[in-house]
Amino acid sequence: MYVVCKEHVEMALDEFVDEYEGQAPDVYKLDEISFTAWEAPAKCEYCSQVPKFLIV
């Protein structure tokens, strides 16, 4: 699972595909989803920007 800003979506997609042997991930906009037992991190996994996407 990756939580990233718009700038790092492509990098996270590449890492996901490499890690899960070519499987395509699901991509969600963080402002359009919510989970009762999970809160998105305050910053992107690759930088200090606010994350916009969840890649699972």
PDB file of N, CA and C in Angstrom:
ATOM      1  N   MET A   1       0.852  -1.171   0.000  1.00  0.00           N
ATOM      2  CA  MET A   1       0.000   0.000   0.000  1.00  0.00           C
ATOM      3  C   MET A   1       0.895   1.229   0.000  1.00  0.00           C
ATOM      4  N   TYR A   2       0.541   2.195  -0.826  1.00  0.00           N
ATOM      5  CA  TYR A   2       1.292   3.442  -0.932  1.00  0.00           C
ATOM      6  C   TYR A   2       0.320   4.599  -0.793  1.00  0.00           C
ATOM      7  N   VAL A   3       0.729   5.617  -0.056  1.00  0.00           N
ATOM      8  CA  VAL A   3      -0.047   6.849   0.088  1.00  0.00           C
ATOM      9  C   VAL A   3       0.869   7.961  -0.414  1.00  0.00           C
ATOM     10  N   VAL A   4       0.501   8.552  -1.551  1.00  0.00           N
ATOM     11  CA  VAL A   4       1.423   9.454  -2.237  1.00  0.00           C
ATOM     12  C   VAL A   4       0.756  10.717  -2.755  1.00  0.00           C
ATOM     13  N   CYS A   5       1.593  11.708  -3.024  1.00  0.00           N
ATOM     14  CA  CYS A   5       1.132  12.940  -3.666  1.00  0.00           C
ATOM     15  C   CYS A   5       1.026  12.698  -5.175  1.00  0.00           C
ATOM     16  N   LYS A   6       0.468  13.664  -5.874  1.00  0.00           N
ATOM     17  CA  LYS A   6       0.282  13.535  -7.315  1.00  0.00           C
ATOM     18  C   LYS A   6       1.618  13.352  -8.040  1.00  0.00           C
ATOM     19  N   GLU A   7       2.647  14.017  -7.563  1.00  0.00           N
ATOM     20  CA  GLU A   7       3.966  13.954  -8.195  1.00  0.00           C
ATOM     21  C   GLU A   7       4.573  12.549  -8.153  1.00  0.00           C
ATOM     22  N   HIS A   8       4.242  11.770  -7.140  1.00  0.00           N
ATOM     23  CA  HIS A   8       4.875  10.464  -6.959  1.00  0.00           C
ATOM     24  C   HIS A   8       3.981   9.268  -7.287  1.00  0.00           C
ATOM     25  N   VAL A   9       2.849   9.495  -7.928  1.00  0.00           N
ATOM     26  CA  VAL A   9       1.949   8.394  -8.290  1.00  0.00           C
ATOM     27  C   VAL A   9       2.653   7.392  -9.205  1.00  0.00           C
ATOM     28  N   GLU A  10       3.316   7.872 -10.225  1.00  0.00           N
ATOM     29  CA  GLU A  10       3.970   6.973 -11.173  1.00  0.00           C
ATOM     30  C   GLU A  10       5.045   6.120 -10.498  1.00  0.00           C
ATOM     31  N   MET A  11       5.802   6.705  -9.610  1.00  0.00           N
ATOM     32  CA  MET A  11       6.842   5.965  -8.892  1.00  0.00           C
ATOM     33  C   MET A  11       6.213   4.858  -8.043  1.00  0.00           C
ATOM     34  N   ALA A  12       5.135   5.184  -7.340  1.00  0.00           N
ATOM     35  CA  ALA A  12       4.460   4.187  -6.508  1.00  0.00           C
ATOM     36  C   ALA A  12       3.850   3.076  -7.354  1.00  0.00           C
ATOM     37  N   LEU A  13       3.278   3.433  -8.501  1.00  0.00           N
ATOM     38  CA  LEU A  13       2.720   2.417  -9.399  1.00  0.00           C
ATOM     39  C   LEU A  13       3.812   1.459  -9.878  1.00  0.00           C
ATOM     40  N   ASP A  14       4.949   1.994 -10.267  1.00  0.00           N
ATOM     41  CA  ASP A  14       6.065   1.157 -10.716  1.00  0.00           C
ATOM     42  C   ASP A  14       6.528   0.212  -9.609  1.00  0.00           C
ATOM     43  N   GLU A  15       6.658   0.725  -8.398  1.00  0.00           N
ATOM     44  CA  GLU A  15       7.096  -0.112  -7.278  1.00  0.00           C
ATOM     45  C   GLU A  15       6.066  -1.193  -6.964  1.00  0.00           C
ATOM     46  N   PHE A  16       4.788  -0.850  -7.024  1.00  0.00           N
ATOM     47  CA  PHE A  16       3.740  -1.825  -6.765  1.00  0.00           C
ATOM     48  C   PHE A  16       3.809  -2.962  -7.778  1.00  0.00           C
ATOM     49  N   VAL A  17       3.900  -2.621  -9.046  1.00  0.00           N
ATOM     50  CA  VAL A  17       3.947  -3.637 -10.107  1.00  0.00           C
ATOM     51  C   VAL A  17       5.184  -4.521  -9.949  1.00  0.00           C
ATOM     52  N   ASP A  18       6.312  -3.930  -9.606  1.00  0.00           N
ATOM     53  CA  ASP A  18       7.530  -4.712  -9.372  1.00  0.00           C
ATOM     54  C   ASP A  18       7.361  -5.649  -8.173  1.00  0.00           C
ATOM     55  N   GLU A  19       6.797  -5.143  -7.102  1.00  0.00           N
ATOM     56  CA  GLU A  19       6.657  -5.924  -5.868  1.00  0.00           C
ATOM     57  C   GLU A  19       5.645  -7.060  -6.014  1.00  0.00           C
ATOM     58  N   TYR A  20       4.559  -6.804  -6.728  1.00  0.00           N
ATOM     59  CA  TYR A  20       3.491  -7.798  -6.848  1.00  0.00           C
ATOM     60  C   TYR A  20       3.477  -8.480  -8.214  1.00  0.00           C
ATOM     61  N   GLU A  21       4.636  -8.563  -8.828  1.00  0.00           N
ATOM     62  CA  GLU A  21       4.875  -9.342 -10.044  1.00  0.00           C
ATOM     63  C   GLU A  21       3.884  -9.041 -11.170  1.00  0.00           C
ATOM     64  N   GLY A  22       3.741  -7.777 -11.482  1.00  0.00           N
ATOM     65  CA  GLY A  22       2.962  -7.379 -12.644  1.00  0.00           C
ATOM     66  C   GLY A  22       1.484  -7.156 -12.409  1.00  0.00           C
ATOM     67  N   GLN A  23       0.990  -7.374 -11.196  1.00  0.00           N
ATOM     68  CA  GLN A  23      -0.425  -7.132 -10.923  1.00  0.00           C
ATOM     69  C   GLN A  23      -0.704  -5.625 -10.922  1.00  0.00           C
ATOM     70  N   ALA A  24      -1.826  -5.259 -11.489  1.00  0.00           N
ATOM     71  CA  ALA A  24      -2.210  -3.853 -11.525  1.00  0.00           C
ATOM     72  C   ALA A  24      -2.849  -3.453 -10.194  1.00  0.00           C
ATOM     73  N   PRO A  25      -2.445  -2.325  -9.629  1.00  0.00           N
ATOM     74  CA  PRO A  25      -3.030  -1.881  -8.358  1.00  0.00           C
ATOM     75  C   PRO A  25      -4.350  -1.148  -8.560  1.00  0.00           C
ATOM     76  N   ASP A  26      -5.067  -0.979  -7.475  1.00  0.00           N
ATOM     77  CA  ASP A  26      -6.230  -0.102  -7.450  1.00  0.00           C
ATOM     78  C   ASP A  26      -5.735   1.257  -6.960  1.00  0.00           C
ATOM     79  N   VAL A  27      -6.226   2.318  -7.574  1.00  0.00           N
ATOM     80  CA  VAL A  27      -5.817   3.678  -7.211  1.00  0.00           C
ATOM     81  C   VAL A  27      -7.060   4.454  -6.791  1.00  0.00           C
ATOM     82  N   TYR A  28      -6.986   5.061  -5.615  1.00  0.00           N
ATOM     83  CA  TYR A  28      -8.109   5.821  -5.072  1.00  0.00           C
ATOM     84  C   TYR A  28      -7.657   7.228  -4.713  1.00  0.00           C
ATOM     85  N   LYS A  29      -8.534   8.197  -4.935  1.00  0.00           N
ATOM     86  CA  LYS A  29      -8.281   9.559  -4.468  1.00  0.00           C
ATOM     87  C   LYS A  29      -8.654   9.606  -2.988  1.00  0.00           C
ATOM     88  N   LEU A  30      -7.752  10.078  -2.165  1.00  0.00           N
ATOM     89  CA  LEU A  30      -7.988  10.095  -0.728  1.00  0.00           C
ATOM     90  C   LEU A  30      -9.195  10.953  -0.328  1.00  0.00           C
ATOM     91  N   ASP A  31      -9.484  11.988  -1.102  1.00  0.00           N
ATOM     92  CA  ASP A  31     -10.626  12.843  -0.746  1.00  0.00           C
ATOM     93  C   ASP A  31     -11.967  12.231  -1.137  1.00  0.00           C
ATOM     94  N   GLU A  32     -11.939  11.065  -1.812  1.00  0.00           N
ATOM     95  CA  GLU A  32     -13.179  10.408  -2.231  1.00  0.00           C
ATOM     96  C   GLU A  32     -13.458   9.107  -1.474  1.00  0.00           C
ATOM     97  N   ILE A  33     -12.580   8.716  -0.559  1.00  0.00           N
ATOM     98  CA  ILE A  33     -12.776   7.482   0.198  1.00  0.00           C
ATOM     99  C   ILE A  33     -12.577   7.740   1.685  1.00  0.00           C
ATOM    100  N   SER A  34     -13.079   6.823   2.498  1.00  0.00           N
ATOM    101  CA  SER A  34     -12.821   6.894   3.940  1.00  0.00           C
ATOM    102  C   SER A  34     -12.917   5.485   4.509  1.00  0.00           C
ATOM    103  N   PHE A  35     -12.157   5.256   5.550  1.00  0.00           N
ATOM    104  CA  PHE A  35     -12.160   3.979   6.249  1.00  0.00           C
ATOM    105  C   PHE A  35     -12.377   4.265   7.726  1.00  0.00           C
ATOM    106  N   THR A  36     -13.135   3.417   8.390  1.00  0.00           N
ATOM    107  CA  THR A  36     -13.427   3.657   9.796  1.00  0.00           C
ATOM    108  C   THR A  36     -12.217   3.401  10.696  1.00  0.00           C
ATOM    109  N   ALA A  37     -11.363   2.450  10.342  1.00  0.00           N
ATOM    110  CA  ALA A  37     -10.245   2.089  11.223  1.00  0.00           C
ATOM    111  C   ALA A  37      -8.887   2.500  10.663  1.00  0.00           C
ATOM    112  N   TRP A  38      -8.865   3.453   9.726  1.00  0.00           N
ATOM    113  CA  TRP A  38      -7.597   3.858   9.123  1.00  0.00           C
ATOM    114  C   TRP A  38      -7.635   5.341   8.816  1.00  0.00           C
ATOM    115  N   GLU A  39      -6.563   6.005   9.129  1.00  0.00           N
ATOM    116  CA  GLU A  39      -6.427   7.427   8.806  1.00  0.00           C
ATOM    117  C   GLU A  39      -5.194   7.592   7.931  1.00  0.00           C
ATOM    118  N   ALA A  40      -5.319   8.334   6.858  1.00  0.00           N
ATOM    119  CA  ALA A  40      -4.202   8.541   5.935  1.00  0.00           C
ATOM    120  C   ALA A  40      -3.068   9.285   6.625  1.00  0.00           C
ATOM    121  N   PRO A  41      -1.831   8.949   6.288  1.00  0.00           N
ATOM    122  CA  PRO A  41      -0.688   9.690   6.826  1.00  0.00           C
ATOM    123  C   PRO A  41      -0.754  11.163   6.415  1.00  0.00           C
ATOM    124  N   ALA A  42      -0.049  11.990   7.125  1.00  0.00           N
ATOM    125  CA  ALA A  42      -0.059  13.434   6.873  1.00  0.00           C
ATOM    126  C   ALA A  42       0.811  13.837   5.697  1.00  0.00           C
ATOM    127  N   LYS A  43       1.724  12.928   5.273  1.00  0.00           N
ATOM    128  CA  LYS A  43       2.587  13.289   4.151  1.00  0.00           C
ATOM    129  C   LYS A  43       2.809  12.097   3.223  1.00  0.00           C
ATOM    130  N   CYS A  44       3.210  12.411   2.022  1.00  0.00           N
ATOM    131  CA  CYS A  44       3.530  11.434   0.982  1.00  0.00           C
ATOM    132  C   CYS A  44       4.651  10.519   1.466  1.00  0.00           C
ATOM    133  N   GLU A  45       4.655   9.277   0.990  1.00  0.00           N
ATOM    134  CA  GLU A  45       5.712   8.338   1.376  1.00  0.00           C
ATOM    135  C   GLU A  45       7.080   8.725   0.825  1.00  0.00           C
ATOM    136  N   TYR A  46       7.125   9.578  -0.203  1.00  0.00           N
ATOM    137  CA  TYR A  46       8.380   9.939  -0.845  1.00  0.00           C
ATOM    138  C   TYR A  46       8.830  11.366  -0.576  1.00  0.00           C
ATOM    139  N   CYS A  47       7.930  12.207  -0.060  1.00  0.00           N
ATOM    140  CA  CYS A  47       8.288  13.606   0.188  1.00  0.00           C
ATOM    141  C   CYS A  47       7.406  14.155   1.310  1.00  0.00           C
ATOM    142  N   SER A  48       7.460  15.437   1.534  1.00  0.00           N
ATOM    143  CA  SER A  48       6.690  16.029   2.629  1.00  0.00           C
ATOM    144  C   SER A  48       5.366  16.669   2.175  1.00  0.00           C
ATOM    145  N   GLN A  49       4.992  16.462   0.922  1.00  0.00           N
ATOM    146  CA  GLN A  49       3.732  17.017   0.431  1.00  0.00           C
ATOM    147  C   GLN A  49       2.543  16.238   0.993  1.00  0.00           C
ATOM    148  N   VAL A  50       1.383  16.849   0.948  1.00  0.00           N
ATOM    149  CA  VAL A  50       0.145  16.209   1.393  1.00  0.00           C
ATOM    150  C   VAL A  50      -0.211  15.104   0.393  1.00  0.00           C
ATOM    151  N   PRO A  51      -0.496  13.891   0.868  1.00  0.00           N
ATOM    152  CA  PRO A  51      -0.846  12.805  -0.052  1.00  0.00           C
ATOM    153  C   PRO A  51      -2.234  13.002  -0.659  1.00  0.00           C
ATOM    154  N   LYS A  52      -2.383  12.554  -1.891  1.00  0.00           N
ATOM    155  CA  LYS A  52      -3.639  12.683  -2.603  1.00  0.00           C
ATOM    156  C   LYS A  52      -4.195  11.335  -3.048  1.00  0.00           C
ATOM    157  N   PHE A  53      -3.347  10.296  -3.104  1.00  0.00           N
ATOM    158  CA  PHE A  53      -3.751   9.007  -3.655  1.00  0.00           C
ATOM    159  C   PHE A  53      -3.359   7.848  -2.750  1.00  0.00           C
ATOM    160  N   LEU A  54      -4.230   6.838  -2.748  1.00  0.00           N
ATOM    161  CA  LEU A  54      -3.965   5.564  -2.082  1.00  0.00           C
ATOM    162  C   LEU A  54      -3.835   4.515  -3.174  1.00  0.00           C
ATOM    163  N   ILE A  55      -2.735   3.791  -3.158  1.00  0.00           N
ATOM    164  CA  ILE A  55      -2.471   2.753  -4.159  1.00  0.00           C
ATOM    165  C   ILE A  55      -2.369   1.428  -3.435  1.00  0.00           C
ATOM    166  N   VAL A  56      -3.298   0.515  -3.753  1.00  0.00           N
ATOM    167  CA  VAL A  56      -3.326  -0.803  -3.096  1.00  0.00           C
ATOM    168  C   VAL A  56      -3.508  -1.915  -4.108  1.00  0.00           C
TER     169      VAL A  56
END
